[in-house]
Amino acid sequence: MIREAKVVRETKETKINLVLKIDGKGESDIQTRIPFFDHMLTLFAKHSFIDLQLVCQGDIEVDAHHTVEDCGLSLGKAFFQALGSKAGISRYGTGFNSKISNQFDSESLRGEFYMPMDECLIRCVIDFGGRPYLVYRGLDEKALAICRPKDDELRQDMSTMFRFGLAKEFFQAFVNEARCNLHIELLYGEEPHHIVEGMFKAFARAVDQACRKDPRLGNSLPTTKGKL
């Protein structure tokens, strides 16, 4: 079964065409007209080993918010469609696995991993269990401190302009449409580029792990309820 999806979303604020292949090679073509966001989605595809094509024409002359949120909605919807019944998937994923392996041994299934990005450390855990819920911790105080800078150079910085609030809107939108439970936490860090990039990389590893097929499950569902 090829796990892929195509999503077209058109509103008065954005026009999006998205093609997703879960079992890919990390290849991507991202065009949102927000360079920093393009960078984040490109590295998300690379580190989650999905293939992703995404073109968005949004009203960025108003704000980046509509583009970022609607891309999150579209990507979440694509994952929901591509995973189908979710038969045979691991379902749960954690943010970083130091041993990337197709074998489901004790090392590749350890309970918790973290994503380092220079001085930052991010934790991310995901559950494609059918219930949308986002927990986004450790960033509110940091966002206020960094994203209202007095320094002109910081105001010009693309990652600061993107700001943590937009990252949260992206993840919330993804959660709503993918119907997953996502926990992202900044344990510590200072540089805004590193923090946001660490979040997207941790998210990528968690998604990769959760979407992997567990051969022990066969075509059964990873739940006792009979449906996800």
N, C-alpha and C. Protein backbone atom coordinates (compact mmCIF):
# COMPACT_ATOMS: atom_id res chain seq x y z
N MET A 1 0.85 -1.20 0.00
CA MET A 1 0.00 0.00 0.00
C MET A 1 0.88 1.24 0.00
N ILE A 2 0.64 2.14 -0.93
CA ILE A 2 1.38 3.40 -1.00
C ILE A 2 0.68 4.42 -0.12
N ARG A 3 1.41 4.92 0.85
CA ARG A 3 0.83 5.87 1.79
C ARG A 3 1.12 7.30 1.31
N GLU A 4 0.18 7.83 0.56
CA GLU A 4 0.35 9.16 0.01
C GLU A 4 -0.99 9.88 -0.05
N ALA A 5 -0.92 11.19 -0.22
CA ALA A 5 -2.15 12.00 -0.27
C ALA A 5 -1.89 13.29 -1.03
N LYS A 6 -2.97 13.81 -1.61
CA LYS A 6 -2.93 15.11 -2.27
C LYS A 6 -4.00 15.98 -1.64
N VAL A 7 -3.63 17.21 -1.32
CA VAL A 7 -4.56 18.14 -0.69
C VAL A 7 -4.54 19.46 -1.45
N VAL A 8 -5.72 19.94 -1.80
CA VAL A 8 -5.88 21.26 -2.39
C VAL A 8 -6.77 22.08 -1.47
N ARG A 9 -6.29 23.23 -1.07
CA ARG A 9 -7.05 24.09 -0.16
C ARG A 9 -7.07 25.49 -0.72
N GLU A 10 -8.26 26.05 -0.92
CA GLU A 10 -8.39 27.40 -1.45
C GLU A 10 -9.34 28.21 -0.58
N THR A 11 -8.86 29.33 -0.08
CA THR A 11 -9.69 30.27 0.66
C THR A 11 -9.40 31.67 0.12
N LYS A 12 -10.00 32.68 0.71
CA LYS A 12 -9.71 34.05 0.32
C LYS A 12 -8.33 34.49 0.80
N GLU A 13 -7.73 33.69 1.67
CA GLU A 13 -6.44 34.05 2.24
C GLU A 13 -5.27 33.25 1.66
N THR A 14 -5.52 32.00 1.27
CA THR A 14 -4.44 31.15 0.75
C THR A 14 -4.95 30.20 -0.32
N LYS A 15 -4.02 29.80 -1.19
CA LYS A 15 -4.26 28.73 -2.16
C LYS A 15 -3.09 27.76 -2.03
N ILE A 16 -3.42 26.51 -1.69
CA ILE A 16 -2.38 25.53 -1.37
C ILE A 16 -2.56 24.27 -2.21
N ASN A 17 -1.46 23.79 -2.77
CA ASN A 17 -1.41 22.49 -3.41
C ASN A 17 -0.31 21.68 -2.72
N LEU A 18 -0.67 20.52 -2.22
CA LEU A 18 0.26 19.72 -1.42
C LEU A 18 0.20 18.26 -1.85
N VAL A 19 1.36 17.65 -1.99
CA VAL A 19 1.47 16.21 -2.30
C VAL A 19 2.40 15.60 -1.26
N LEU A 20 1.93 14.57 -0.58
CA LEU A 20 2.69 13.91 0.48
C LEU A 20 2.87 12.43 0.18
N LYS A 21 4.08 11.94 0.37
CA LYS A 21 4.37 10.52 0.34
C LYS A 21 5.09 10.18 1.63
N ILE A 22 4.45 9.40 2.49
CA ILE A 22 5.03 9.11 3.80
C ILE A 22 6.30 8.28 3.68
N ASP A 23 6.27 7.25 2.87
CA ASP A 23 7.44 6.37 2.73
C ASP A 23 8.33 6.88 1.61
N GLY A 24 8.97 8.01 1.89
CA GLY A 24 9.78 8.66 0.86
C GLY A 24 11.26 8.62 1.16
N LYS A 25 11.97 9.60 0.63
CA LYS A 25 13.42 9.68 0.79
C LYS A 25 13.86 11.03 1.38
N GLY A 26 12.89 11.80 1.85
CA GLY A 26 13.22 13.11 2.41
C GLY A 26 13.35 14.20 1.38
N GLU A 27 12.80 13.97 0.19
CA GLU A 27 12.89 14.96 -0.88
C GLU A 27 11.71 15.93 -0.79
N SER A 28 11.96 17.18 -1.16
CA SER A 28 10.89 18.18 -1.01
C SER A 28 11.05 19.31 -2.01
N ASP A 29 9.93 19.97 -2.27
CA ASP A 29 9.88 21.20 -3.05
C ASP A 29 8.87 22.10 -2.35
N ILE A 30 9.38 23.06 -1.59
CA ILE A 30 8.54 23.89 -0.74
C ILE A 30 8.56 25.33 -1.25
N GLN A 31 7.39 25.90 -1.48
CA GLN A 31 7.30 27.28 -1.95
C GLN A 31 6.15 27.98 -1.23
N THR A 32 6.46 28.65 -0.13
CA THR A 32 5.44 29.37 0.63
C THR A 32 5.62 30.88 0.57
N ARG A 33 6.72 31.35 -0.01
CA ARG A 33 7.10 32.77 -0.08
C ARG A 33 7.51 33.32 1.29
N ILE A 34 7.71 32.42 2.26
CA ILE A 34 8.29 32.78 3.56
C ILE A 34 9.57 31.98 3.70
N PRO A 35 10.72 32.54 3.39
CA PRO A 35 11.96 31.76 3.31
C PRO A 35 12.27 30.92 4.54
N PHE A 36 12.10 31.48 5.72
CA PHE A 36 12.40 30.72 6.94
C PHE A 36 11.45 29.53 7.09
N PHE A 37 10.19 29.73 6.78
CA PHE A 37 9.21 28.64 6.84
C PHE A 37 9.52 27.57 5.81
N ASP A 38 9.93 27.98 4.61
CA ASP A 38 10.38 27.01 3.59
C ASP A 38 11.51 26.15 4.14
N HIS A 39 12.44 26.78 4.82
CA HIS A 39 13.58 26.08 5.41
C HIS A 39 13.10 25.07 6.45
N MET A 40 12.14 25.46 7.29
CA MET A 40 11.63 24.55 8.33
C MET A 40 10.92 23.35 7.72
N LEU A 41 10.10 23.57 6.70
CA LEU A 41 9.38 22.46 6.08
C LEU A 41 10.32 21.56 5.28
N THR A 42 11.35 22.15 4.70
CA THR A 42 12.34 21.35 3.97
C THR A 42 13.09 20.42 4.91
N LEU A 43 13.52 20.93 6.06
CA LEU A 43 14.24 20.07 6.99
C LEU A 43 13.29 19.08 7.68
N PHE A 44 12.01 19.47 7.82
CA PHE A 44 11.03 18.50 8.34
C PHE A 44 10.92 17.30 7.41
N ALA A 45 10.80 17.55 6.12
CA ALA A 45 10.73 16.45 5.16
C ALA A 45 12.00 15.62 5.19
N LYS A 46 13.14 16.27 5.25
CA LYS A 46 14.42 15.56 5.23
C LYS A 46 14.56 14.62 6.42
N HIS A 47 14.22 15.09 7.60
CA HIS A 47 14.46 14.32 8.82
C HIS A 47 13.32 13.37 9.17
N SER A 48 12.18 13.49 8.50
CA SER A 48 11.09 12.53 8.69
C SER A 48 11.04 11.51 7.57
N PHE A 49 11.90 11.68 6.54
CA PHE A 49 11.99 10.77 5.40
C PHE A 49 10.70 10.69 4.61
N ILE A 50 9.95 11.81 4.60
CA ILE A 50 8.78 11.90 3.73
C ILE A 50 9.18 12.64 2.46
N ASP A 51 8.41 12.48 1.40
CA ASP A 51 8.54 13.32 0.21
C ASP A 51 7.38 14.30 0.25
N LEU A 52 7.69 15.58 0.06
CA LEU A 52 6.68 16.62 0.22
C LEU A 52 6.82 17.69 -0.84
N GLN A 53 5.73 17.94 -1.54
CA GLN A 53 5.63 19.07 -2.45
C GLN A 53 4.54 19.99 -1.91
N LEU A 54 4.88 21.26 -1.72
CA LEU A 54 3.91 22.20 -1.16
C LEU A 54 4.12 23.57 -1.80
N VAL A 55 3.07 24.05 -2.43
CA VAL A 55 3.08 25.40 -3.01
C VAL A 55 1.92 26.18 -2.39
N CYS A 56 2.24 27.32 -1.82
CA CYS A 56 1.20 28.14 -1.19
C CYS A 56 1.31 29.57 -1.68
N GLN A 57 0.19 30.11 -2.13
CA GLN A 57 0.07 31.53 -2.46
C GLN A 57 -0.82 32.15 -1.39
N GLY A 58 -0.18 32.84 -0.46
CA GLY A 58 -0.93 33.42 0.66
C GLY A 58 -0.80 34.92 0.73
N ASP A 59 -1.62 35.51 1.57
CA ASP A 59 -1.64 36.97 1.71
C ASP A 59 -0.56 37.43 2.68
N ILE A 60 0.70 37.16 2.34
CA ILE A 60 1.78 37.51 3.25
C ILE A 60 1.98 39.03 3.34
N GLU A 61 1.35 39.78 2.45
CA GLU A 61 1.40 41.24 2.59
C GLU A 61 0.60 41.68 3.82
N VAL A 62 -0.34 40.84 4.25
CA VAL A 62 -1.09 41.10 5.47
C VAL A 62 -0.30 40.61 6.68
N ASP A 63 0.09 39.33 6.62
CA ASP A 63 0.83 38.70 7.72
C ASP A 63 1.18 37.29 7.27
N ALA A 64 2.16 36.69 7.93
CA ALA A 64 2.53 35.31 7.61
C ALA A 64 1.59 34.30 8.25
N HIS A 65 0.74 34.76 9.15
CA HIS A 65 -0.10 33.86 9.94
C HIS A 65 -0.97 32.94 9.10
N HIS A 66 -1.70 33.50 8.14
CA HIS A 66 -2.63 32.69 7.34
C HIS A 66 -1.89 31.59 6.57
N THR A 67 -0.74 31.94 6.00
CA THR A 67 0.04 30.96 5.24
C THR A 67 0.53 29.84 6.14
N VAL A 68 1.10 30.18 7.28
CA VAL A 68 1.65 29.17 8.19
C VAL A 68 0.55 28.26 8.73
N GLU A 69 -0.54 28.86 9.17
CA GLU A 69 -1.63 28.07 9.74
C GLU A 69 -2.25 27.15 8.69
N ASP A 70 -2.52 27.67 7.49
CA ASP A 70 -3.18 26.87 6.47
C ASP A 70 -2.27 25.77 5.94
N CYS A 71 -0.97 26.01 5.92
CA CYS A 71 -0.03 24.93 5.55
C CYS A 71 -0.05 23.83 6.61
N GLY A 72 -0.15 24.22 7.87
CA GLY A 72 -0.28 23.23 8.93
C GLY A 72 -1.55 22.42 8.81
N LEU A 73 -2.65 23.08 8.50
CA LEU A 73 -3.93 22.38 8.30
C LEU A 73 -3.83 21.40 7.14
N SER A 74 -3.23 21.84 6.04
CA SER A 74 -3.14 21.00 4.84
C SER A 74 -2.22 19.82 5.07
N LEU A 75 -1.09 20.04 5.74
CA LEU A 75 -0.17 18.94 6.01
C LEU A 75 -0.79 17.93 6.96
N GLY A 76 -1.48 18.41 7.98
CA GLY A 76 -2.15 17.50 8.90
C GLY A 76 -3.22 16.67 8.21
N LYS A 77 -3.99 17.31 7.34
CA LYS A 77 -5.02 16.59 6.58
C LYS A 77 -4.40 15.53 5.68
N ALA A 78 -3.24 15.86 5.08
CA ALA A 78 -2.56 14.91 4.20
C ALA A 78 -2.10 13.69 4.98
N PHE A 79 -1.55 13.89 6.16
CA PHE A 79 -1.13 12.75 7.00
C PHE A 79 -2.33 11.90 7.40
N PHE A 80 -3.43 12.57 7.76
CA PHE A 80 -4.64 11.82 8.15
C PHE A 80 -5.11 10.93 7.00
N GLN A 81 -5.09 11.47 5.80
CA GLN A 81 -5.53 10.70 4.64
C GLN A 81 -4.55 9.59 4.30
N ALA A 82 -3.26 9.90 4.33
CA ALA A 82 -2.24 8.94 3.91
C ALA A 82 -2.13 7.77 4.88
N LEU A 83 -2.34 8.02 6.17
CA LEU A 83 -2.25 6.93 7.16
C LEU A 83 -3.46 6.01 7.11
N GLY A 84 -4.55 6.46 6.55
CA GLY A 84 -5.72 5.62 6.39
C GLY A 84 -6.23 5.07 7.72
N SER A 85 -6.42 3.77 7.79
CA SER A 85 -6.92 3.14 9.02
C SER A 85 -5.87 3.10 10.12
N LYS A 86 -4.60 3.34 9.76
CA LYS A 86 -3.45 3.29 10.67
C LYS A 86 -3.08 1.87 11.07
N ALA A 87 -3.54 0.92 10.30
CA ALA A 87 -3.20 -0.48 10.59
C ALA A 87 -1.70 -0.69 10.49
N GLY A 88 -1.14 -1.30 11.51
CA GLY A 88 0.26 -1.69 11.50
C GLY A 88 1.26 -0.62 11.86
N ILE A 89 0.82 0.63 12.11
CA ILE A 89 1.80 1.68 12.42
C ILE A 89 2.19 1.63 13.90
N SER A 90 3.35 2.18 14.20
CA SER A 90 3.80 2.22 15.59
C SER A 90 2.91 3.11 16.44
N ARG A 91 2.35 4.15 15.83
CA ARG A 91 1.41 5.09 16.45
C ARG A 91 2.10 6.13 17.31
N TYR A 92 3.01 5.73 18.17
CA TYR A 92 3.70 6.66 19.07
C TYR A 92 5.08 6.98 18.53
N GLY A 93 5.51 8.24 18.70
CA GLY A 93 6.85 8.62 18.27
C GLY A 93 7.44 9.63 19.21
N THR A 94 8.75 9.52 19.43
CA THR A 94 9.45 10.49 20.27
C THR A 94 10.47 11.24 19.44
N GLY A 95 10.92 12.35 19.97
CA GLY A 95 11.58 13.36 19.17
C GLY A 95 12.91 13.07 18.53
N PHE A 96 13.73 12.18 19.05
CA PHE A 96 15.02 11.94 18.40
C PHE A 96 15.51 10.55 18.74
N ASN A 97 15.90 9.82 17.71
CA ASN A 97 16.43 8.48 17.90
C ASN A 97 17.86 8.45 17.41
N SER A 98 18.80 8.19 18.29
CA SER A 98 20.20 8.20 17.90
C SER A 98 20.56 7.01 17.03
N LYS A 99 19.68 6.03 16.93
CA LYS A 99 19.93 4.87 16.08
C LYS A 99 18.79 4.76 15.09
N ILE A 100 18.97 5.27 13.88
CA ILE A 100 17.93 5.21 12.87
C ILE A 100 17.98 3.83 12.23
N SER A 101 16.92 3.07 12.44
CA SER A 101 16.93 1.67 12.01
C SER A 101 15.54 1.25 11.60
N ASN A 102 15.46 0.35 10.66
CA ASN A 102 14.18 -0.23 10.28
C ASN A 102 13.82 -1.41 11.15
N GLN A 103 14.74 -1.81 12.02
CA GLN A 103 14.51 -2.95 12.88
C GLN A 103 13.90 -2.49 14.19
N PHE A 104 12.87 -3.15 14.64
CA PHE A 104 12.21 -2.77 15.87
C PHE A 104 12.81 -3.56 17.02
N ASP A 105 14.03 -3.18 17.39
CA ASP A 105 14.70 -3.84 18.51
C ASP A 105 14.58 -2.95 19.74
N SER A 106 15.17 -3.38 20.84
CA SER A 106 15.03 -2.64 22.09
C SER A 106 15.65 -1.26 22.00
N GLU A 107 16.69 -1.09 21.18
CA GLU A 107 17.36 0.19 21.06
C GLU A 107 16.48 1.19 20.32
N SER A 108 15.82 0.75 19.24
CA SER A 108 15.04 1.69 18.44
C SER A 108 13.67 1.99 19.03
N LEU A 109 13.31 1.29 20.10
CA LEU A 109 12.01 1.51 20.72
C LEU A 109 12.13 2.08 22.13
N ARG A 110 13.28 2.63 22.48
CA ARG A 110 13.42 3.21 23.80
C ARG A 110 12.40 4.32 24.01
N GLY A 111 12.03 4.55 25.27
CA GLY A 111 10.88 5.38 25.55
C GLY A 111 11.01 6.87 25.30
N GLU A 112 12.21 7.44 25.36
CA GLU A 112 12.28 8.89 25.27
C GLU A 112 13.58 9.33 24.60
N PHE A 113 13.44 10.31 23.70
CA PHE A 113 14.60 10.87 23.03
C PHE A 113 14.44 12.38 22.94
N TYR A 114 15.53 13.07 22.72
CA TYR A 114 15.55 14.52 22.70
C TYR A 114 16.30 15.01 21.46
N MET A 115 16.01 16.25 21.06
CA MET A 115 16.68 16.84 19.90
C MET A 115 17.61 17.97 20.35
N PRO A 116 18.91 17.79 20.21
CA PRO A 116 19.83 18.88 20.51
C PRO A 116 20.02 19.76 19.28
N MET A 117 20.12 21.06 19.49
CA MET A 117 20.42 22.01 18.42
C MET A 117 21.31 23.09 19.03
N ASP A 118 22.62 22.85 18.97
CA ASP A 118 23.59 23.73 19.62
C ASP A 118 23.26 23.89 21.10
N GLU A 119 22.92 25.12 21.54
CA GLU A 119 22.68 25.34 22.97
C GLU A 119 21.26 24.95 23.40
N CYS A 120 20.43 24.52 22.45
CA CYS A 120 19.02 24.20 22.72
C CYS A 120 18.81 22.70 22.91
N LEU A 121 17.79 22.38 23.68
CA LEU A 121 17.35 20.99 23.80
C LEU A 121 15.83 20.97 23.76
N ILE A 122 15.29 20.20 22.83
CA ILE A 122 13.85 20.12 22.59
C ILE A 122 13.38 18.70 22.81
N ARG A 123 12.22 18.56 23.42
CA ARG A 123 11.58 17.25 23.55
C ARG A 123 10.28 17.27 22.75
N CYS A 124 10.02 16.20 22.00
CA CYS A 124 8.79 16.10 21.22
C CYS A 124 8.29 14.67 21.24
N VAL A 125 7.00 14.52 21.51
CA VAL A 125 6.36 13.21 21.54
C VAL A 125 5.02 13.31 20.81
N ILE A 126 4.70 12.30 19.99
CA ILE A 126 3.46 12.35 19.21
C ILE A 126 2.72 11.03 19.30
N ASP A 127 1.40 11.10 19.23
CA ASP A 127 0.54 9.92 19.22
C ASP A 127 -0.54 10.14 18.16
N PHE A 128 -0.48 9.33 17.08
CA PHE A 128 -1.52 9.39 16.06
C PHE A 128 -2.72 8.56 16.50
N GLY A 129 -3.29 8.92 17.63
CA GLY A 129 -4.34 8.13 18.23
C GLY A 129 -5.75 8.59 17.94
N GLY A 130 -5.90 9.64 17.11
CA GLY A 130 -7.24 10.06 16.73
C GLY A 130 -7.81 11.19 17.57
N ARG A 131 -7.07 11.62 18.60
CA ARG A 131 -7.56 12.70 19.46
C ARG A 131 -6.63 13.90 19.35
N PRO A 132 -7.12 15.03 18.84
CA PRO A 132 -6.25 16.21 18.69
C PRO A 132 -6.01 16.92 20.01
N TYR A 133 -4.72 17.09 20.35
CA TYR A 133 -4.38 17.85 21.55
C TYR A 133 -2.93 18.29 21.44
N LEU A 134 -2.68 19.58 21.65
CA LEU A 134 -1.32 20.12 21.60
C LEU A 134 -0.91 20.60 22.98
N VAL A 135 0.27 20.18 23.41
CA VAL A 135 0.91 20.74 24.60
C VAL A 135 2.20 21.41 24.13
N TYR A 136 2.34 22.69 24.41
CA TYR A 136 3.43 23.51 23.88
C TYR A 136 4.05 24.25 25.07
N ARG A 137 5.15 23.71 25.59
CA ARG A 137 5.67 24.19 26.88
C ARG A 137 7.05 24.82 26.75
N GLY A 138 7.32 25.76 27.64
CA GLY A 138 8.64 26.32 27.78
C GLY A 138 8.96 27.44 26.82
N LEU A 139 7.97 27.90 26.04
CA LEU A 139 8.27 28.89 25.01
C LEU A 139 7.60 30.25 25.22
N ASP A 140 6.58 30.32 26.05
CA ASP A 140 5.85 31.58 26.20
C ASP A 140 6.74 32.70 26.73
N GLU A 141 7.44 32.44 27.82
CA GLU A 141 8.33 33.46 28.38
C GLU A 141 9.47 33.78 27.42
N LYS A 142 10.01 32.75 26.78
CA LYS A 142 11.09 32.93 25.82
C LYS A 142 10.61 33.77 24.63
N ALA A 143 9.39 33.54 24.19
CA ALA A 143 8.86 34.29 23.06
C ALA A 143 8.75 35.77 23.38
N LEU A 144 8.30 36.08 24.58
CA LEU A 144 8.17 37.49 24.97
C LEU A 144 9.53 38.16 25.05
N ALA A 145 10.52 37.42 25.52
CA ALA A 145 11.85 37.98 25.70
C ALA A 145 12.56 38.22 24.36
N ILE A 146 12.37 37.30 23.41
CA ILE A 146 13.12 37.37 22.16
C ILE A 146 12.34 38.08 21.06
N CYS A 147 11.04 37.89 21.03
CA CYS A 147 10.28 38.34 19.87
C CYS A 147 9.76 39.78 19.98
N ARG A 148 10.17 40.47 21.04
CA ARG A 148 9.88 41.91 21.12
C ARG A 148 11.20 42.65 21.34
N PRO A 149 12.16 42.41 20.47
CA PRO A 149 13.49 42.97 20.69
C PRO A 149 13.55 44.47 20.41
N LYS A 150 14.43 45.14 21.13
CA LYS A 150 14.69 46.55 20.86
C LYS A 150 15.78 46.71 19.80
N ASP A 151 16.58 45.68 19.69
CA ASP A 151 17.70 45.74 18.77
C ASP A 151 17.22 45.64 17.32
N ASP A 152 17.65 46.59 16.48
CA ASP A 152 17.20 46.62 15.08
C ASP A 152 17.62 45.36 14.34
N GLU A 153 18.79 44.82 14.65
CA GLU A 153 19.26 43.63 13.95
C GLU A 153 18.35 42.44 14.25
N LEU A 154 17.93 42.31 15.50
CA LEU A 154 17.04 41.21 15.85
C LEU A 154 15.69 41.36 15.15
N ARG A 155 15.24 42.60 14.98
CA ARG A 155 13.97 42.81 14.29
C ARG A 155 14.04 42.34 12.85
N GLN A 156 15.22 42.39 12.27
CA GLN A 156 15.40 41.98 10.88
C GLN A 156 15.57 40.48 10.72
N ASP A 157 15.84 39.78 11.82
CA ASP A 157 16.15 38.36 11.73
C ASP A 157 14.91 37.55 11.34
N MET A 158 15.05 36.66 10.34
CA MET A 158 13.89 35.94 9.81
C MET A 158 13.27 35.01 10.84
N SER A 159 14.10 34.37 11.67
CA SER A 159 13.54 33.44 12.65
C SER A 159 12.79 34.20 13.74
N THR A 160 13.24 35.40 14.07
CA THR A 160 12.52 36.21 15.04
C THR A 160 11.22 36.74 14.42
N MET A 161 11.28 37.13 13.16
CA MET A 161 10.07 37.57 12.48
C MET A 161 9.05 36.43 12.39
N PHE A 162 9.57 35.21 12.18
CA PHE A 162 8.67 34.06 12.13
C PHE A 162 8.01 33.85 13.49
N ARG A 163 8.74 34.01 14.54
CA ARG A 163 8.35 34.00 15.95
C ARG A 163 7.73 32.67 16.40
N PHE A 164 7.86 32.43 17.68
CA PHE A 164 7.40 31.17 18.26
C PHE A 164 5.88 31.03 18.19
N GLY A 165 5.18 32.17 18.21
CA GLY A 165 3.72 32.10 18.11
C GLY A 165 3.27 31.51 16.80
N LEU A 166 3.98 31.81 15.71
CA LEU A 166 3.62 31.22 14.42
C LEU A 166 3.93 29.74 14.39
N ALA A 167 5.03 29.34 15.01
CA ALA A 167 5.34 27.92 15.09
C ALA A 167 4.22 27.18 15.83
N LYS A 168 3.74 27.79 16.91
CA LYS A 168 2.65 27.16 17.66
C LYS A 168 1.39 27.04 16.81
N GLU A 169 1.09 28.08 16.03
CA GLU A 169 -0.09 28.02 15.16
C GLU A 169 0.04 26.91 14.13
N PHE A 170 1.25 26.70 13.60
CA PHE A 170 1.48 25.62 12.65
C PHE A 170 1.21 24.27 13.31
N PHE A 171 1.79 24.05 14.49
CA PHE A 171 1.63 22.75 15.15
C PHE A 171 0.18 22.52 15.58
N GLN A 172 -0.50 23.58 16.06
CA GLN A 172 -1.90 23.43 16.44
C GLN A 172 -2.76 23.06 15.24
N ALA A 173 -2.49 23.70 14.11
CA ALA A 173 -3.25 23.40 12.89
C ALA A 173 -3.00 21.97 12.44
N PHE A 174 -1.75 21.54 12.48
CA PHE A 174 -1.42 20.16 12.12
C PHE A 174 -2.15 19.18 13.01
N VAL A 175 -2.10 19.43 14.31
CA VAL A 175 -2.77 18.55 15.28
C VAL A 175 -4.26 18.45 15.00
N ASN A 176 -4.89 19.57 14.71
CA ASN A 176 -6.34 19.57 14.48
C ASN A 176 -6.75 18.68 13.32
N GLU A 177 -5.98 18.72 12.22
CA GLU A 177 -6.35 17.96 11.03
C GLU A 177 -5.79 16.54 11.03
N ALA A 178 -4.61 16.34 11.62
CA ALA A 178 -4.04 14.99 11.68
C ALA A 178 -4.68 14.18 12.79
N ARG A 179 -5.37 14.87 13.70
CA ARG A 179 -6.03 14.24 14.85
C ARG A 179 -5.01 13.44 15.66
N CYS A 180 -3.98 14.16 16.06
CA CYS A 180 -2.93 13.53 16.85
C CYS A 180 -2.72 14.31 18.14
N ASN A 181 -2.04 13.66 19.06
CA ASN A 181 -1.66 14.26 20.33
C ASN A 181 -0.17 14.62 20.22
N LEU A 182 0.17 15.90 20.34
CA LEU A 182 1.54 16.36 20.14
C LEU A 182 2.00 17.18 21.34
N HIS A 183 3.14 16.77 21.91
CA HIS A 183 3.76 17.50 23.01
C HIS A 183 5.12 18.00 22.54
N ILE A 184 5.33 19.31 22.60
CA ILE A 184 6.61 19.92 22.27
C ILE A 184 7.05 20.78 23.45
N GLU A 185 8.29 20.59 23.88
CA GLU A 185 8.78 21.33 25.04
C GLU A 185 10.21 21.81 24.81
N LEU A 186 10.43 23.10 25.04
CA LEU A 186 11.78 23.65 25.06
C LEU A 186 12.33 23.47 26.47
N LEU A 187 13.36 22.65 26.61
CA LEU A 187 13.98 22.45 27.92
C LEU A 187 14.92 23.59 28.26
N TYR A 188 15.70 24.03 27.26
CA TYR A 188 16.51 25.23 27.40
C TYR A 188 17.04 25.64 26.04
N GLY A 189 17.43 26.92 25.92
CA GLY A 189 17.93 27.44 24.65
C GLY A 189 17.79 28.94 24.59
N GLU A 190 18.54 29.57 23.68
CA GLU A 190 18.55 31.03 23.59
C GLU A 190 18.31 31.55 22.18
N GLU A 191 19.03 31.03 21.20
CA GLU A 191 18.96 31.54 19.84
C GLU A 191 17.65 31.14 19.17
N PRO A 192 16.84 32.12 18.70
CA PRO A 192 15.52 31.80 18.14
C PRO A 192 15.56 30.86 16.94
N HIS A 193 16.57 31.05 16.07
CA HIS A 193 16.69 30.14 14.92
C HIS A 193 16.89 28.71 15.39
N HIS A 194 17.77 28.50 16.35
CA HIS A 194 18.04 27.17 16.86
C HIS A 194 16.80 26.56 17.53
N ILE A 195 16.07 27.38 18.26
CA ILE A 195 14.89 26.87 18.96
C ILE A 195 13.83 26.38 17.99
N VAL A 196 13.50 27.21 17.00
CA VAL A 196 12.46 26.83 16.05
C VAL A 196 12.93 25.65 15.19
N GLU A 197 14.18 25.69 14.74
CA GLU A 197 14.70 24.58 13.94
C GLU A 197 14.73 23.29 14.76
N GLY A 198 15.12 23.39 16.02
CA GLY A 198 15.11 22.21 16.88
C GLY A 198 13.72 21.62 17.03
N MET A 199 12.70 22.49 17.13
CA MET A 199 11.32 22.01 17.24
C MET A 199 10.91 21.24 15.99
N PHE A 200 11.21 21.79 14.82
CA PHE A 200 10.79 21.12 13.58
C PHE A 200 11.56 19.82 13.36
N LYS A 201 12.83 19.78 13.75
CA LYS A 201 13.59 18.54 13.61
C LYS A 201 13.09 17.47 14.59
N ALA A 202 12.80 17.88 15.82
CA ALA A 202 12.26 16.94 16.79
C ALA A 202 10.90 16.41 16.33
N PHE A 203 10.08 17.31 15.81
CA PHE A 203 8.78 16.94 15.26
C PHE A 203 8.95 15.93 14.12
N ALA A 204 9.94 16.16 13.27
CA ALA A 204 10.19 15.26 12.14
C ALA A 204 10.54 13.85 12.61
N ARG A 205 11.43 13.75 13.58
CA ARG A 205 11.84 12.44 14.08
C ARG A 205 10.68 11.71 14.76
N ALA A 206 9.88 12.48 15.50
CA ALA A 206 8.73 11.87 16.16
C ALA A 206 7.73 11.32 15.14
N VAL A 207 7.46 12.11 14.10
CA VAL A 207 6.54 11.68 13.04
C VAL A 207 7.08 10.45 12.33
N ASP A 208 8.36 10.45 12.00
CA ASP A 208 8.98 9.30 11.34
C ASP A 208 8.79 8.03 12.16
N GLN A 209 9.08 8.12 13.44
CA GLN A 209 8.98 6.95 14.30
C GLN A 209 7.54 6.46 14.44
N ALA A 210 6.60 7.41 14.60
CA ALA A 210 5.20 7.03 14.80
C ALA A 210 4.57 6.43 13.56
N CYS A 211 5.03 6.85 12.37
CA CYS A 211 4.43 6.36 11.13
C CYS A 211 5.05 5.05 10.64
N ARG A 212 6.13 4.63 11.25
CA ARG A 212 6.77 3.40 10.80
C ARG A 212 5.87 2.19 11.02
N LYS A 213 5.98 1.24 10.12
CA LYS A 213 5.25 -0.01 10.26
C LYS A 213 5.97 -0.92 11.27
N ASP A 214 5.22 -1.45 12.20
CA ASP A 214 5.75 -2.42 13.15
C ASP A 214 5.37 -3.82 12.65
N PRO A 215 6.34 -4.64 12.21
CA PRO A 215 6.02 -5.95 11.64
C PRO A 215 5.31 -6.88 12.62
N ARG A 216 5.42 -6.60 13.90
CA ARG A 216 4.73 -7.45 14.89
C ARG A 216 3.23 -7.25 14.85
N LEU A 217 2.79 -6.09 14.35
CA LEU A 217 1.36 -5.79 14.30
C LEU A 217 0.67 -6.37 13.06
N GLY A 218 1.42 -6.55 11.99
CA GLY A 218 0.80 -6.99 10.75
C GLY A 218 -0.19 -5.95 10.28
N ASN A 219 -1.44 -6.35 10.05
CA ASN A 219 -2.49 -5.42 9.64
C ASN A 219 -3.42 -5.04 10.78
N SER A 220 -3.02 -5.35 12.00
CA SER A 220 -3.87 -5.00 13.14
C SER A 220 -3.61 -3.56 13.58
N LEU A 221 -4.52 -3.02 14.34
CA LEU A 221 -4.42 -1.65 14.82
C LEU A 221 -3.73 -1.59 16.18
N PRO A 222 -2.92 -0.55 16.41
CA PRO A 222 -2.25 -0.42 17.71
C PRO A 222 -3.17 0.21 18.76
N THR A 223 -4.27 -0.47 19.03
CA THR A 223 -5.24 0.02 20.01
C THR A 223 -6.12 -1.14 20.46
N THR A 224 -6.68 -1.01 21.66
CA THR A 224 -7.63 -2.02 22.14
C THR A 224 -9.08 -1.63 21.83
N LYS A 225 -9.26 -0.43 21.25
CA LYS A 225 -10.62 0.06 20.99
C LYS A 225 -11.19 -0.47 19.67
N GLY A 226 -10.31 -0.93 18.79
CA GLY A 226 -10.77 -1.43 17.49
C GLY A 226 -10.80 -0.40 16.41
N LYS A 227 -10.50 0.88 16.77
CA LYS A 227 -10.51 1.95 15.77
C LYS A 227 -9.70 3.12 16.29
N LEU A 228 -8.97 3.75 15.38
CA LEU A 228 -8.22 4.96 15.71
C LEU A 228 -8.75 6.12 14.86
